[in-house]
Amino acid sequence: MNDQRKVSLCVPTYNRVDMTIRAFLKVIDDPRIDEVIIVDDSSDLPIYHDLQKALFEFSKVKLYRNVLNQDCYFNKRTSISFAKNDYCILLDSDNIIDIDYLDKIFEYEWQDKVIFTPEFALPHFDFRAYSGLTFNRTNISEYIDKPMFEVM
């Protein structure tokens, strides 16, 4: 069966140019990535202009800029709101996604209202304690103060 699923790669960023581009560079040509949404969180204007210039060559990339700084978590939400696909990968601009990640995530059957999150990310984001768990409004309070949960 030919997998026709497409994803939007959403990358919130603030005052980063090179790191933002490195974040998606390894997957930009992968046909499963239908678009790359980058939302700049009101970076310093010269940095934003540098980002604009650097992204010009990437036809899949759509760049948006918040007029006012929304902070990390609200900017993540804003980034996803611009996505045209039903499924998104939310990637911080200081992380790097590669083909191995896409291959792995495409092994799963995707479901509405389900978020997949990596168990481990370099250099020191270890979420393996939460491996295989499902969080919802009935059990989230049990985990909210646990180590690394707020980052996850």
N, C-alpha and C. Protein backbone atom coordinates (compact mmCIF):
# COMPACT_ATOMS: atom_id res chain seq x y z
N MET A 1 0.85 -1.19 0.00
CA MET A 1 0.00 0.00 0.00
C MET A 1 0.89 1.24 0.00
N ASN A 2 0.57 2.19 -0.84
CA ASN A 2 1.33 3.42 -0.95
C ASN A 2 0.86 4.42 0.10
N ASP A 3 1.76 4.83 0.95
CA ASP A 3 1.42 5.75 2.04
C ASP A 3 1.32 7.17 1.49
N GLN A 4 0.14 7.74 1.53
CA GLN A 4 -0.09 9.08 1.00
C GLN A 4 -0.13 10.17 2.07
N ARG A 5 0.17 9.80 3.31
CA ARG A 5 0.09 10.79 4.39
C ARG A 5 1.15 11.88 4.20
N LYS A 6 0.73 13.08 4.48
CA LYS A 6 1.62 14.25 4.41
C LYS A 6 1.58 14.96 5.76
N VAL A 7 2.69 15.55 6.12
CA VAL A 7 2.75 16.28 7.38
C VAL A 7 3.26 17.70 7.16
N SER A 8 2.86 18.54 8.06
CA SER A 8 3.41 19.88 8.14
C SER A 8 4.46 19.86 9.24
N LEU A 9 5.63 20.35 8.94
CA LEU A 9 6.68 20.48 9.94
C LEU A 9 6.62 21.91 10.46
N CYS A 10 6.31 22.06 11.74
CA CYS A 10 6.11 23.37 12.36
C CYS A 10 7.29 23.69 13.27
N VAL A 11 7.93 24.82 13.00
CA VAL A 11 9.16 25.18 13.72
C VAL A 11 9.02 26.59 14.28
N PRO A 12 8.65 26.72 15.55
CA PRO A 12 8.68 28.04 16.17
C PRO A 12 10.13 28.45 16.42
N THR A 13 10.41 29.72 16.28
CA THR A 13 11.80 30.16 16.47
C THR A 13 11.84 31.57 17.04
N TYR A 14 12.98 31.88 17.63
CA TYR A 14 13.20 33.23 18.17
C TYR A 14 14.69 33.53 18.12
N ASN A 15 15.04 34.58 17.42
CA ASN A 15 16.42 35.06 17.32
C ASN A 15 17.41 33.99 16.88
N ARG A 16 16.98 33.15 15.94
CA ARG A 16 17.85 32.10 15.40
C ARG A 16 17.71 32.07 13.88
N VAL A 17 18.82 31.99 13.21
CA VAL A 17 18.80 31.83 11.76
C VAL A 17 19.38 30.47 11.41
N ASP A 18 20.67 30.31 11.63
CA ASP A 18 21.36 29.07 11.24
C ASP A 18 20.74 27.83 11.89
N MET A 19 20.45 27.91 13.18
CA MET A 19 19.87 26.76 13.86
C MET A 19 18.50 26.41 13.29
N THR A 20 17.73 27.41 12.97
CA THR A 20 16.39 27.18 12.42
C THR A 20 16.48 26.42 11.10
N ILE A 21 17.41 26.80 10.27
CA ILE A 21 17.57 26.13 8.97
C ILE A 21 18.11 24.72 9.17
N ARG A 22 19.08 24.55 10.05
CA ARG A 22 19.61 23.21 10.31
C ARG A 22 18.54 22.27 10.85
N ALA A 23 17.55 22.83 11.54
CA ALA A 23 16.50 22.01 12.14
C ALA A 23 15.78 21.15 11.10
N PHE A 24 15.51 21.68 9.92
CA PHE A 24 14.72 20.96 8.92
C PHE A 24 15.50 20.55 7.67
N LEU A 25 16.74 20.93 7.55
CA LEU A 25 17.51 20.75 6.32
C LEU A 25 17.59 19.29 5.85
N LYS A 26 17.65 18.34 6.77
CA LYS A 26 17.79 16.93 6.39
C LYS A 26 16.51 16.32 5.85
N VAL A 27 15.38 16.99 6.02
CA VAL A 27 14.10 16.42 5.55
C VAL A 27 13.36 17.32 4.56
N ILE A 28 13.93 18.43 4.20
CA ILE A 28 13.21 19.39 3.36
C ILE A 28 12.81 18.78 2.01
N ASP A 29 13.59 17.87 1.49
CA ASP A 29 13.28 17.28 0.19
C ASP A 29 12.46 16.00 0.29
N ASP A 30 12.14 15.58 1.49
CA ASP A 30 11.35 14.36 1.66
C ASP A 30 9.90 14.66 1.27
N PRO A 31 9.31 13.84 0.39
CA PRO A 31 7.94 14.12 -0.06
C PRO A 31 6.88 14.00 1.04
N ARG A 32 7.22 13.35 2.15
CA ARG A 32 6.26 13.25 3.26
C ARG A 32 6.10 14.59 3.97
N ILE A 33 7.10 15.43 3.88
CA ILE A 33 7.02 16.79 4.43
C ILE A 33 6.41 17.67 3.35
N ASP A 34 5.18 18.03 3.55
CA ASP A 34 4.42 18.78 2.56
C ASP A 34 4.70 20.28 2.65
N GLU A 35 5.01 20.73 3.86
CA GLU A 35 5.30 22.15 4.08
C GLU A 35 6.09 22.28 5.37
N VAL A 36 6.86 23.35 5.44
CA VAL A 36 7.57 23.70 6.67
C VAL A 36 7.06 25.08 7.07
N ILE A 37 6.46 25.12 8.24
CA ILE A 37 5.93 26.37 8.78
C ILE A 37 6.91 26.88 9.82
N ILE A 38 7.41 28.07 9.61
CA ILE A 38 8.30 28.68 10.60
C ILE A 38 7.62 29.94 11.10
N VAL A 39 7.49 30.04 12.42
CA VAL A 39 6.90 31.23 13.02
C VAL A 39 7.94 31.89 13.90
N ASP A 40 8.36 33.04 13.45
CA ASP A 40 9.32 33.83 14.19
C ASP A 40 8.58 34.60 15.29
N ASP A 41 9.07 34.47 16.50
CA ASP A 41 8.39 35.06 17.66
C ASP A 41 8.89 36.46 17.96
N SER A 42 8.77 37.32 16.96
CA SER A 42 9.14 38.73 17.09
C SER A 42 10.63 38.89 17.43
N SER A 43 11.46 38.21 16.67
CA SER A 43 12.92 38.34 16.83
C SER A 43 13.34 39.77 16.55
N ASP A 44 14.56 40.09 16.92
CA ASP A 44 15.13 41.38 16.55
C ASP A 44 15.03 41.50 15.03
N LEU A 45 14.66 42.66 14.56
CA LEU A 45 14.36 42.83 13.14
C LEU A 45 15.52 42.44 12.21
N PRO A 46 16.76 42.78 12.50
CA PRO A 46 17.85 42.34 11.62
C PRO A 46 17.96 40.81 11.54
N ILE A 47 17.72 40.14 12.64
CA ILE A 47 17.76 38.67 12.63
C ILE A 47 16.61 38.12 11.80
N TYR A 48 15.44 38.68 11.95
CA TYR A 48 14.30 38.24 11.15
C TYR A 48 14.57 38.44 9.66
N HIS A 49 15.16 39.56 9.29
CA HIS A 49 15.47 39.81 7.88
C HIS A 49 16.50 38.81 7.36
N ASP A 50 17.47 38.46 8.19
CA ASP A 50 18.43 37.42 7.80
C ASP A 50 17.74 36.08 7.60
N LEU A 51 16.78 35.78 8.46
CA LEU A 51 16.02 34.54 8.33
C LEU A 51 15.21 34.54 7.04
N GLN A 52 14.57 35.64 6.74
CA GLN A 52 13.82 35.78 5.48
C GLN A 52 14.71 35.48 4.28
N LYS A 53 15.87 36.09 4.26
CA LYS A 53 16.81 35.89 3.13
C LYS A 53 17.26 34.44 3.05
N ALA A 54 17.56 33.85 4.19
CA ALA A 54 18.07 32.47 4.20
C ALA A 54 17.00 31.47 3.77
N LEU A 55 15.75 31.77 4.00
CA LEU A 55 14.67 30.83 3.67
C LEU A 55 14.13 31.00 2.26
N PHE A 56 14.56 32.02 1.58
CA PHE A 56 14.02 32.35 0.26
C PHE A 56 14.13 31.19 -0.72
N GLU A 57 15.18 30.42 -0.65
CA GLU A 57 15.42 29.34 -1.62
C GLU A 57 14.57 28.09 -1.38
N PHE A 58 13.88 28.00 -0.27
CA PHE A 58 13.11 26.81 0.06
C PHE A 58 11.63 27.01 -0.24
N SER A 59 11.17 26.40 -1.32
CA SER A 59 9.80 26.64 -1.76
C SER A 59 8.75 26.05 -0.81
N LYS A 60 9.10 25.03 -0.05
CA LYS A 60 8.15 24.42 0.90
C LYS A 60 7.98 25.25 2.17
N VAL A 61 8.87 26.19 2.40
CA VAL A 61 8.89 26.92 3.67
C VAL A 61 7.98 28.13 3.60
N LYS A 62 7.16 28.26 4.65
CA LYS A 62 6.32 29.44 4.82
C LYS A 62 6.74 30.10 6.12
N LEU A 63 7.11 31.36 6.04
CA LEU A 63 7.59 32.10 7.20
C LEU A 63 6.53 33.10 7.64
N TYR A 64 6.25 33.07 8.94
CA TYR A 64 5.33 34.02 9.56
C TYR A 64 6.07 34.71 10.70
N ARG A 65 5.61 35.88 11.07
CA ARG A 65 6.25 36.61 12.16
C ARG A 65 5.18 37.16 13.10
N ASN A 66 5.37 36.88 14.39
CA ASN A 66 4.48 37.46 15.39
C ASN A 66 4.85 38.92 15.59
N VAL A 67 3.86 39.78 15.65
CA VAL A 67 4.11 41.19 15.89
C VAL A 67 4.64 41.39 17.31
N LEU A 68 4.03 40.68 18.24
CA LEU A 68 4.47 40.71 19.63
C LEU A 68 4.98 39.33 20.03
N ASN A 69 5.97 39.30 20.88
CA ASN A 69 6.53 38.03 21.36
C ASN A 69 5.49 37.28 22.16
N GLN A 70 5.24 36.02 21.79
CA GLN A 70 4.23 35.20 22.45
C GLN A 70 4.82 34.26 23.49
N ASP A 71 6.11 34.11 23.50
CA ASP A 71 6.83 33.17 24.35
C ASP A 71 6.72 31.77 23.74
N CYS A 72 7.53 30.90 24.24
CA CYS A 72 7.75 29.58 23.65
C CYS A 72 6.48 28.78 23.40
N TYR A 73 5.67 28.55 24.40
CA TYR A 73 4.55 27.62 24.27
C TYR A 73 3.42 28.18 23.43
N PHE A 74 3.14 29.46 23.54
CA PHE A 74 2.10 30.05 22.69
C PHE A 74 2.55 30.10 21.24
N ASN A 75 3.85 30.31 21.03
CA ASN A 75 4.35 30.31 19.66
C ASN A 75 4.27 28.92 19.03
N LYS A 76 4.42 27.88 19.84
CA LYS A 76 4.23 26.53 19.32
C LYS A 76 2.80 26.36 18.82
N ARG A 77 1.87 26.82 19.61
CA ARG A 77 0.45 26.73 19.23
C ARG A 77 0.19 27.53 17.95
N THR A 78 0.76 28.72 17.89
CA THR A 78 0.60 29.54 16.69
C THR A 78 1.18 28.84 15.47
N SER A 79 2.32 28.22 15.63
CA SER A 79 2.96 27.52 14.51
C SER A 79 2.04 26.45 13.95
N ILE A 80 1.44 25.67 14.82
CA ILE A 80 0.55 24.61 14.37
C ILE A 80 -0.71 25.19 13.71
N SER A 81 -1.14 26.34 14.17
CA SER A 81 -2.37 26.93 13.61
C SER A 81 -2.23 27.29 12.13
N PHE A 82 -1.02 27.49 11.66
CA PHE A 82 -0.81 27.82 10.25
C PHE A 82 -0.72 26.59 9.35
N ALA A 83 -0.64 25.42 9.91
CA ALA A 83 -0.46 24.19 9.12
C ALA A 83 -1.70 23.86 8.31
N LYS A 84 -1.49 23.42 7.09
CA LYS A 84 -2.62 23.04 6.24
C LYS A 84 -2.96 21.56 6.35
N ASN A 85 -2.04 20.76 6.84
CA ASN A 85 -2.27 19.32 6.94
C ASN A 85 -2.92 18.96 8.27
N ASP A 86 -3.56 17.80 8.29
CA ASP A 86 -4.19 17.34 9.52
C ASP A 86 -3.16 16.90 10.56
N TYR A 87 -1.96 16.55 10.11
CA TYR A 87 -0.93 16.05 11.01
C TYR A 87 0.30 16.94 10.93
N CYS A 88 0.87 17.18 12.11
CA CYS A 88 2.03 18.08 12.22
C CYS A 88 3.13 17.42 13.04
N ILE A 89 4.33 17.81 12.73
CA ILE A 89 5.47 17.53 13.59
C ILE A 89 5.90 18.88 14.13
N LEU A 90 5.91 18.99 15.43
CA LEU A 90 6.32 20.23 16.08
C LEU A 90 7.77 20.07 16.50
N LEU A 91 8.63 20.94 15.97
CA LEU A 91 10.06 20.82 16.16
C LEU A 91 10.62 22.14 16.65
N ASP A 92 11.27 22.13 17.80
CA ASP A 92 11.94 23.33 18.28
C ASP A 92 13.10 23.68 17.35
N SER A 93 13.37 24.94 17.20
CA SER A 93 14.39 25.38 16.25
C SER A 93 15.82 25.05 16.68
N ASP A 94 15.99 24.55 17.89
CA ASP A 94 17.33 24.12 18.30
C ASP A 94 17.48 22.60 18.28
N ASN A 95 16.53 21.92 17.62
CA ASN A 95 16.61 20.47 17.41
C ASN A 95 16.77 20.21 15.92
N ILE A 96 17.14 18.98 15.58
CA ILE A 96 17.30 18.61 14.18
C ILE A 96 16.49 17.35 13.92
N ILE A 97 15.69 17.37 12.87
CA ILE A 97 14.92 16.20 12.47
C ILE A 97 15.63 15.56 11.27
N ASP A 98 15.60 14.24 11.22
CA ASP A 98 16.21 13.55 10.10
C ASP A 98 15.27 12.49 9.54
N ILE A 99 15.70 11.84 8.49
CA ILE A 99 14.89 10.84 7.81
C ILE A 99 14.53 9.68 8.75
N ASP A 100 15.45 9.29 9.63
CA ASP A 100 15.16 8.20 10.57
C ASP A 100 13.92 8.50 11.41
N TYR A 101 13.80 9.75 11.84
CA TYR A 101 12.63 10.15 12.63
C TYR A 101 11.36 10.00 11.79
N LEU A 102 11.40 10.49 10.56
CA LEU A 102 10.23 10.36 9.69
C LEU A 102 9.88 8.90 9.45
N ASP A 103 10.88 8.09 9.16
CA ASP A 103 10.63 6.67 8.94
C ASP A 103 9.93 6.05 10.14
N LYS A 104 10.41 6.39 11.32
CA LYS A 104 9.84 5.81 12.55
C LYS A 104 8.40 6.26 12.76
N ILE A 105 8.15 7.54 12.62
CA ILE A 105 6.80 8.05 12.88
C ILE A 105 5.81 7.53 11.83
N PHE A 106 6.28 7.26 10.63
CA PHE A 106 5.40 6.73 9.59
C PHE A 106 5.13 5.24 9.76
N GLU A 107 5.80 4.59 10.68
CA GLU A 107 5.51 3.18 10.98
C GLU A 107 4.20 3.04 11.77
N TYR A 108 3.79 4.09 12.44
CA TYR A 108 2.62 4.04 13.31
C TYR A 108 1.34 4.34 12.54
N GLU A 109 0.24 3.84 13.11
CA GLU A 109 -1.07 4.23 12.63
C GLU A 109 -1.43 5.51 13.38
N TRP A 110 -1.71 6.55 12.67
CA TRP A 110 -2.00 7.83 13.29
C TRP A 110 -3.47 7.90 13.68
N GLN A 111 -3.72 8.57 14.80
CA GLN A 111 -5.08 8.71 15.30
C GLN A 111 -5.34 10.17 15.63
N ASP A 112 -6.58 10.57 15.49
CA ASP A 112 -6.96 11.92 15.90
C ASP A 112 -6.76 12.07 17.41
N LYS A 113 -6.39 13.25 17.82
CA LYS A 113 -6.22 13.62 19.22
C LYS A 113 -5.13 12.81 19.93
N VAL A 114 -4.17 12.31 19.16
CA VAL A 114 -3.04 11.59 19.75
C VAL A 114 -1.76 12.31 19.34
N ILE A 115 -0.91 12.52 20.33
CA ILE A 115 0.38 13.17 20.10
C ILE A 115 1.47 12.15 20.37
N PHE A 116 2.37 12.00 19.42
CA PHE A 116 3.55 11.17 19.63
C PHE A 116 4.70 12.08 20.01
N THR A 117 5.49 11.64 20.95
CA THR A 117 6.65 12.42 21.36
C THR A 117 7.84 11.48 21.48
N PRO A 118 9.02 11.93 21.11
CA PRO A 118 10.20 11.06 21.22
C PRO A 118 10.49 10.68 22.66
N GLU A 119 11.12 9.53 22.83
CA GLU A 119 11.53 9.09 24.17
C GLU A 119 12.84 9.72 24.60
N PHE A 120 13.65 10.10 23.63
CA PHE A 120 14.97 10.62 23.96
C PHE A 120 15.40 11.57 22.86
N ALA A 121 15.98 12.67 23.25
CA ALA A 121 16.52 13.63 22.28
C ALA A 121 17.85 14.14 22.82
N LEU A 122 18.80 14.23 21.93
CA LEU A 122 20.11 14.75 22.33
C LEU A 122 20.01 16.24 22.57
N PRO A 123 20.75 16.80 23.49
CA PRO A 123 21.83 16.16 24.24
C PRO A 123 21.38 15.50 25.55
N HIS A 124 20.27 15.94 26.15
CA HIS A 124 19.93 15.41 27.48
C HIS A 124 18.44 15.42 27.78
N PHE A 125 17.63 15.13 26.80
CA PHE A 125 16.19 15.10 27.02
C PHE A 125 15.72 13.65 27.06
N ASP A 126 15.62 13.13 28.26
CA ASP A 126 15.30 11.72 28.44
C ASP A 126 13.87 11.58 28.95
N PHE A 127 12.98 11.12 28.07
CA PHE A 127 11.57 10.96 28.39
C PHE A 127 11.18 9.49 28.49
N ARG A 128 12.15 8.60 28.57
CA ARG A 128 11.85 7.17 28.55
C ARG A 128 10.97 6.73 29.72
N ALA A 129 10.95 7.48 30.80
CA ALA A 129 10.08 7.13 31.94
C ALA A 129 8.60 7.19 31.54
N TYR A 130 8.29 7.89 30.46
CA TYR A 130 6.91 8.04 30.02
C TYR A 130 6.59 7.19 28.80
N SER A 131 7.50 6.33 28.41
CA SER A 131 7.34 5.49 27.22
C SER A 131 6.07 4.64 27.30
N GLY A 132 5.28 4.69 26.26
CA GLY A 132 4.09 3.86 26.16
C GLY A 132 2.88 4.39 26.92
N LEU A 133 3.03 5.49 27.62
CA LEU A 133 1.92 6.02 28.40
C LEU A 133 1.02 6.91 27.54
N THR A 134 -0.22 6.97 27.91
CA THR A 134 -1.17 7.86 27.29
C THR A 134 -1.64 8.85 28.35
N PHE A 135 -1.57 10.12 28.02
CA PHE A 135 -2.00 11.16 28.96
C PHE A 135 -3.30 11.76 28.47
N ASN A 136 -4.19 11.99 29.41
CA ASN A 136 -5.45 12.65 29.08
C ASN A 136 -5.90 13.46 30.30
N ARG A 137 -7.03 14.08 30.19
CA ARG A 137 -7.46 14.97 31.28
C ARG A 137 -7.76 14.24 32.58
N THR A 138 -7.92 12.93 32.54
CA THR A 138 -8.19 12.20 33.78
C THR A 138 -6.93 11.82 34.54
N ASN A 139 -5.77 11.76 33.85
CA ASN A 139 -4.56 11.32 34.56
C ASN A 139 -3.39 12.31 34.49
N ILE A 140 -3.55 13.40 33.80
CA ILE A 140 -2.43 14.33 33.60
C ILE A 140 -1.91 14.90 34.92
N SER A 141 -2.76 15.08 35.89
CA SER A 141 -2.33 15.66 37.17
C SER A 141 -1.32 14.78 37.89
N GLU A 142 -1.31 13.48 37.61
CA GLU A 142 -0.36 12.57 38.23
C GLU A 142 1.07 12.81 37.73
N TYR A 143 1.21 13.43 36.58
CA TYR A 143 2.52 13.55 35.94
C TYR A 143 3.03 14.99 35.86
N ILE A 144 2.19 15.94 36.06
CA ILE A 144 2.50 17.33 35.77
C ILE A 144 3.76 17.85 36.48
N ASP A 145 4.07 17.34 37.65
CA ASP A 145 5.25 17.79 38.40
C ASP A 145 6.44 16.84 38.30
N LYS A 146 6.36 15.85 37.44
CA LYS A 146 7.43 14.86 37.31
C LYS A 146 8.59 15.45 36.49
N PRO A 147 9.79 14.89 36.69
CA PRO A 147 10.96 15.39 35.96
C PRO A 147 10.76 15.33 34.44
N MET A 148 11.13 16.39 33.75
CA MET A 148 11.12 16.52 32.31
C MET A 148 9.73 16.58 31.67
N PHE A 149 8.68 16.46 32.47
CA PHE A 149 7.34 16.43 31.88
C PHE A 149 6.99 17.76 31.24
N GLU A 150 7.34 18.86 31.88
CA GLU A 150 6.98 20.16 31.32
C GLU A 150 7.71 20.42 30.00
N VAL A 151 8.89 19.86 29.83
CA VAL A 151 9.62 20.01 28.59
C VAL A 151 8.98 19.18 27.49
N MET A 152 8.53 17.99 27.86
CA MET A 152 7.93 17.07 26.90
C MET A 152 6.64 17.68 26.36
